[in-house]
């Protein structure tokens, strides 16, 4: 079952259960997927939308919500931040489990040692390996800061 089909099924189930917060979140997801499909069908590079594209879209949506949560918390808007947090939980269910900070640090150290990276100049090589091997399960903003810390020593 494709990721889009799974989301559509979950949307139908939320309609049946009349869960308003889930319904609105699924509508946002499906609307964004439809926009992505339209974008992929037009323009210079026509291609089919696949699960990888949808995962990237969901990651982007999660990042946007996390930024909103930070802003809402700074402005003491707990009502809005809790709503965004619920959306993040729903969105995260469609992505593979993200690695923890400690797991990310261990992987970064291992790759730095494996390719004998010496300085910040080697960061691109390490990030390339991380993207090839851990693109679905790694938060690259965390990995980048961890790599800078490791390579600057």
C-alpha atoms as a PDB file:
ATOM      1  CA  UNK A   1       0.000   0.000   0.000  1.00  0.00           C
ATOM      2  CA  UNK A   2       1.415   3.354  -0.979  1.00  0.00           C
ATOM      3  CA  UNK A   3       1.851   6.098   1.574  1.00  0.00           C
ATOM      4  CA  UNK A   4      -0.818   8.222  -0.102  1.00  0.00           C
ATOM      5  CA  UNK A   5      -3.313   5.334   0.058  1.00  0.00           C
ATOM      6  CA  UNK A   6      -2.553   4.829   3.741  1.00  0.00           C
ATOM      7  CA  UNK A   7      -3.142   8.533   4.428  1.00  0.00           C
ATOM      8  CA  UNK A   8      -6.398   8.468   2.463  1.00  0.00           C
ATOM      9  CA  UNK A   9      -7.567   5.408   4.418  1.00  0.00           C
ATOM     10  CA  UNK A  10      -6.716   7.084   7.723  1.00  0.00           C
ATOM     11  CA  UNK A  11      -8.581  10.178   6.547  1.00  0.00           C
ATOM     12  CA  UNK A  12     -11.680   8.091   5.792  1.00  0.00           C
ATOM     13  CA  UNK A  13     -11.446   6.475   9.235  1.00  0.00           C
ATOM     14  CA  UNK A  14     -11.167   9.872  10.921  1.00  0.00           C
ATOM     15  CA  UNK A  15     -14.265  11.012   9.027  1.00  0.00           C
ATOM     16  CA  UNK A  16     -16.152   7.993  10.346  1.00  0.00           C
ATOM     17  CA  UNK A  17     -14.993   8.639  13.907  1.00  0.00           C
ATOM     18  CA  UNK A  18     -15.731  12.384  13.561  1.00  0.00           C
ATOM     19  CA  UNK A  19     -12.367  13.371  15.023  1.00  0.00           C
ATOM     20  CA  UNK A  20     -12.219  17.025  13.948  1.00  0.00           C
ATOM     21  CA  UNK A  21      -8.532  17.629  14.671  1.00  0.00           C
ATOM     22  CA  UNK A  22      -7.471  14.550  12.712  1.00  0.00           C
ATOM     23  CA  UNK A  23      -9.834  15.392   9.848  1.00  0.00           C
ATOM     24  CA  UNK A  24      -8.348  18.869   9.436  1.00  0.00           C
ATOM     25  CA  UNK A  25      -4.783  17.523   9.611  1.00  0.00           C
ATOM     26  CA  UNK A  26      -5.467  14.851   6.999  1.00  0.00           C
ATOM     27  CA  UNK A  27      -7.080  17.435   4.751  1.00  0.00           C
ATOM     28  CA  UNK A  28      -3.939  19.551   5.004  1.00  0.00           C
ATOM     29  CA  UNK A  29      -1.754  16.560   4.169  1.00  0.00           C
ATOM     30  CA  UNK A  30      -3.886  15.455   1.222  1.00  0.00           C
ATOM     31  CA  UNK A  31      -4.092  19.005  -0.094  1.00  0.00           C
ATOM     32  CA  UNK A  32      -0.314  19.336   0.060  1.00  0.00           C
ATOM     33  CA  UNK A  33       0.102  15.988  -1.705  1.00  0.00           C
ATOM     34  CA  UNK A  34      -2.279  17.114  -4.437  1.00  0.00           C
ATOM     35  CA  UNK A  35      -0.260  20.349  -4.859  1.00  0.00           C
ATOM     36  CA  UNK A  36       2.920  18.276  -5.087  1.00  0.00           C
ATOM     37  CA  UNK A  37       1.383  16.012  -7.725  1.00  0.00           C
ATOM     38  CA  UNK A  38       0.293  19.015  -9.788  1.00  0.00           C
ATOM     39  CA  UNK A  39       3.767  20.514  -9.465  1.00  0.00           C
ATOM     40  CA  UNK A  40       5.365  17.217 -10.539  1.00  0.00           C
ATOM     41  CA  UNK A  41       3.091  16.925 -13.586  1.00  0.00           C
ATOM     42  CA  UNK A  42       3.907  20.388 -14.890  1.00  0.00           C
ATOM     43  CA  UNK A  43       7.133  22.186 -15.475  1.00  0.00           C
ATOM     44  CA  UNK A  44      10.360  21.065 -17.102  1.00  0.00           C
ATOM     45  CA  UNK A  45      10.783  17.792 -15.176  1.00  0.00           C
ATOM     46  CA  UNK A  46       7.600  15.731 -15.351  1.00  0.00           C
ATOM     47  CA  UNK A  47       7.562  12.779 -12.949  1.00  0.00           C
ATOM     48  CA  UNK A  48       5.243  10.629 -10.900  1.00  0.00           C
ATOM     49  CA  UNK A  49       4.893  11.455  -7.223  1.00  0.00           C
ATOM     50  CA  UNK A  50       6.250   8.582  -5.136  1.00  0.00           C
ATOM     51  CA  UNK A  51       6.468   7.729  -1.429  1.00  0.00           C
ATOM     52  CA  UNK A  52       9.863   9.391  -1.143  1.00  0.00           C
ATOM     53  CA  UNK A  53       8.412  12.688  -2.391  1.00  0.00           C
ATOM     54  CA  UNK A  54       5.554  12.419   0.095  1.00  0.00           C
ATOM     55  CA  UNK A  55       7.985  11.687   2.961  1.00  0.00           C
ATOM     56  CA  UNK A  56       9.963  14.798   2.064  1.00  0.00           C
ATOM     57  CA  UNK A  57       6.733  16.795   2.034  1.00  0.00           C
ATOM     58  CA  UNK A  58       5.755  15.445   5.462  1.00  0.00           C
ATOM     59  CA  UNK A  59       9.209  16.281   6.855  1.00  0.00           C
ATOM     60  CA  UNK A  60       8.780  19.823   5.574  1.00  0.00           C
ATOM     61  CA  UNK A  61       5.322  20.056   7.188  1.00  0.00           C
ATOM     62  CA  UNK A  62       6.722  18.809  10.507  1.00  0.00           C
ATOM     63  CA  UNK A  63       9.531  21.360  10.364  1.00  0.00           C
ATOM     64  CA  UNK A  64       7.005  24.151   9.747  1.00  0.00           C
ATOM     65  CA  UNK A  65       4.899  23.028  12.682  1.00  0.00           C
ATOM     66  CA  UNK A  66       7.905  22.797  14.992  1.00  0.00           C
ATOM     67  CA  UNK A  67       8.845  26.374  14.098  1.00  0.00           C
ATOM     68  CA  UNK A  68       5.272  27.470  14.823  1.00  0.00           C
ATOM     69  CA  UNK A  69       5.315  25.633  18.147  1.00  0.00           C
ATOM     70  CA  UNK A  70       8.450  27.535  19.189  1.00  0.00           C
ATOM     71  CA  UNK A  71       6.870  30.864  18.268  1.00  0.00           C
ATOM     72  CA  UNK A  72       3.604  30.043  20.046  1.00  0.00           C
ATOM     73  CA  UNK A  73       5.433  28.989  23.203  1.00  0.00           C
ATOM     74  CA  UNK A  74       7.478  32.192  23.220  1.00  0.00           C
ATOM     75  CA  UNK A  75       4.242  34.163  23.019  1.00  0.00           C
ATOM     76  CA  UNK A  76       2.454  32.083  25.686  1.00  0.00           C
ATOM     77  CA  UNK A  77      -0.104  30.658  23.257  1.00  0.00           C
ATOM     78  CA  UNK A  78      -0.371  27.151  24.697  1.00  0.00           C
ATOM     79  CA  UNK A  79      -3.699  26.553  22.946  1.00  0.00           C
ATOM     80  CA  UNK A  80      -2.143  27.027  19.507  1.00  0.00           C
ATOM     81  CA  UNK A  81       1.073  25.175  20.332  1.00  0.00           C
ATOM     82  CA  UNK A  82      -0.834  22.123  21.586  1.00  0.00           C
ATOM     83  CA  UNK A  83      -2.837  22.051  18.353  1.00  0.00           C
ATOM     84  CA  UNK A  84       0.392  22.132  16.315  1.00  0.00           C
ATOM     85  CA  UNK A  85       1.920  19.411  18.517  1.00  0.00           C
ATOM     86  CA  UNK A  86      -1.057  17.147  17.791  1.00  0.00           C
ATOM     87  CA  UNK A  87      -0.492  17.703  14.066  1.00  0.00           C
ATOM     88  CA  UNK A  88       3.195  16.811  14.440  1.00  0.00           C
ATOM     89  CA  UNK A  89       2.228  13.528  16.120  1.00  0.00           C
ATOM     90  CA  UNK A  90      -0.122  12.657  13.256  1.00  0.00           C
ATOM     91  CA  UNK A  91       2.451  13.629  10.612  1.00  0.00           C
ATOM     92  CA  UNK A  92       5.276  11.743  12.335  1.00  0.00           C
ATOM     93  CA  UNK A  93       3.311   8.500  12.136  1.00  0.00           C
ATOM     94  CA  UNK A  94       4.016   8.409   8.385  1.00  0.00           C
ATOM     95  CA  UNK A  95       7.779   8.639   8.705  1.00  0.00           C
ATOM     96  CA  UNK A  96      10.255   6.015   9.877  1.00  0.00           C
ATOM     97  CA  UNK A  97      11.375   6.364  13.477  1.00  0.00           C
ATOM     98  CA  UNK A  98      13.874   9.201  13.768  1.00  0.00           C
ATOM     99  CA  UNK A  99      17.219   8.455  15.383  1.00  0.00           C
ATOM    100  CA  UNK A 100      17.906   9.953  18.796  1.00  0.00           C
ATOM    101  CA  UNK A 101      20.676  12.490  19.437  1.00  0.00           C
ATOM    102  CA  UNK A 102      22.927   9.799  20.899  1.00  0.00           C
ATOM    103  CA  UNK A 103      22.357   7.450  17.949  1.00  0.00           C
ATOM    104  CA  UNK A 104      23.026  10.313  15.530  1.00  0.00           C
ATOM    105  CA  UNK A 105      26.244  11.213  17.366  1.00  0.00           C
ATOM    106  CA  UNK A 106      27.425   7.562  17.271  1.00  0.00           C
ATOM    107  CA  UNK A 107      26.740   7.274  13.531  1.00  0.00           C
ATOM    108  CA  UNK A 108      28.515  10.574  12.824  1.00  0.00           C
ATOM    109  CA  UNK A 109      31.575   9.539  14.852  1.00  0.00           C
ATOM    110  CA  UNK A 110      31.709   6.168  13.085  1.00  0.00           C
ATOM    111  CA  UNK A 111      31.570   7.701   9.601  1.00  0.00           C
ATOM    112  CA  UNK A 112      34.152  10.374  10.513  1.00  0.00           C
ATOM    113  CA  UNK A 113      36.493   7.596  11.689  1.00  0.00           C
ATOM    114  CA  UNK A 114      35.739   5.333   8.691  1.00  0.00           C
ATOM    115  CA  UNK A 115      36.628   7.965   6.087  1.00  0.00           C
ATOM    116  CA  UNK A 116      39.304   9.567   8.287  1.00  0.00           C
ATOM    117  CA  UNK A 117      37.720  13.024   8.138  1.00  0.00           C
ATOM    118  CA  UNK A 118      40.095  15.566   9.650  1.00  0.00           C
ATOM    119  CA  UNK A 119      38.478  18.989   9.438  1.00  0.00           C
ATOM    120  CA  UNK A 120      35.315  20.883   8.652  1.00  0.00           C
ATOM    121  CA  UNK A 121      36.349  20.699   4.976  1.00  0.00           C
ATOM    122  CA  UNK A 122      35.412  16.991   5.020  1.00  0.00           C
ATOM    123  CA  UNK A 123      31.897  17.706   6.248  1.00  0.00           C
ATOM    124  CA  UNK A 124      30.425  17.455   2.728  1.00  0.00           C
ATOM    125  CA  UNK A 125      31.798  13.926   2.299  1.00  0.00           C
ATOM    126  CA  UNK A 126      30.353  12.830   5.634  1.00  0.00           C
ATOM    127  CA  UNK A 127      26.963  14.440   4.921  1.00  0.00           C
ATOM    128  CA  UNK A 128      26.873  12.693   1.526  1.00  0.00           C
ATOM    129  CA  UNK A 129      27.361   9.313   3.182  1.00  0.00           C
ATOM    130  CA  UNK A 130      24.721  10.141   5.804  1.00  0.00           C
ATOM    131  CA  UNK A 131      22.216  11.141   3.095  1.00  0.00           C
ATOM    132  CA  UNK A 132      22.833   7.938   1.148  1.00  0.00           C
ATOM    133  CA  UNK A 133      22.478   5.657   4.163  1.00  0.00           C
ATOM    134  CA  UNK A 134      20.153   7.431   6.607  1.00  0.00           C
ATOM    135  CA  UNK A 135      17.994   9.834   4.574  1.00  0.00           C
ATOM    136  CA  UNK A 136      14.692   8.690   6.118  1.00  0.00           C
ATOM    137  CA  UNK A 137      15.695   8.301   9.740  1.00  0.00           C
ATOM    138  CA  UNK A 138      18.111  11.155  10.388  1.00  0.00           C
ATOM    139  CA  UNK A 139      17.492  14.804  11.230  1.00  0.00           C
ATOM    140  CA  UNK A 140      20.182  16.505   9.153  1.00  0.00           C
ATOM    141  CA  UNK A 141      20.079  19.767  11.084  1.00  0.00           C
ATOM    142  CA  UNK A 142      21.062  17.828  14.220  1.00  0.00           C
ATOM    143  CA  UNK A 143      23.637  15.833  12.278  1.00  0.00           C
ATOM    144  CA  UNK A 144      25.160  19.025  10.885  1.00  0.00           C
ATOM    145  CA  UNK A 145      25.652  20.581  14.288  1.00  0.00           C
ATOM    146  CA  UNK A 146      27.039  17.319  15.702  1.00  0.00           C
ATOM    147  CA  UNK A 147      29.466  17.019  12.770  1.00  0.00           C
ATOM    148  CA  UNK A 148      30.671  20.602  13.235  1.00  0.00           C
ATOM    149  CA  UNK A 149      31.323  19.830  16.889  1.00  0.00           C
ATOM    150  CA  UNK A 150      33.218  16.595  16.046  1.00  0.00           C
ATOM    151  CA  UNK A 151      35.236  18.031  13.149  1.00  0.00           C
ATOM    152  CA  UNK A 152      36.220  21.239  14.951  1.00  0.00           C
ATOM    153  CA  UNK A 153      38.058  19.353  17.696  1.00  0.00           C
END
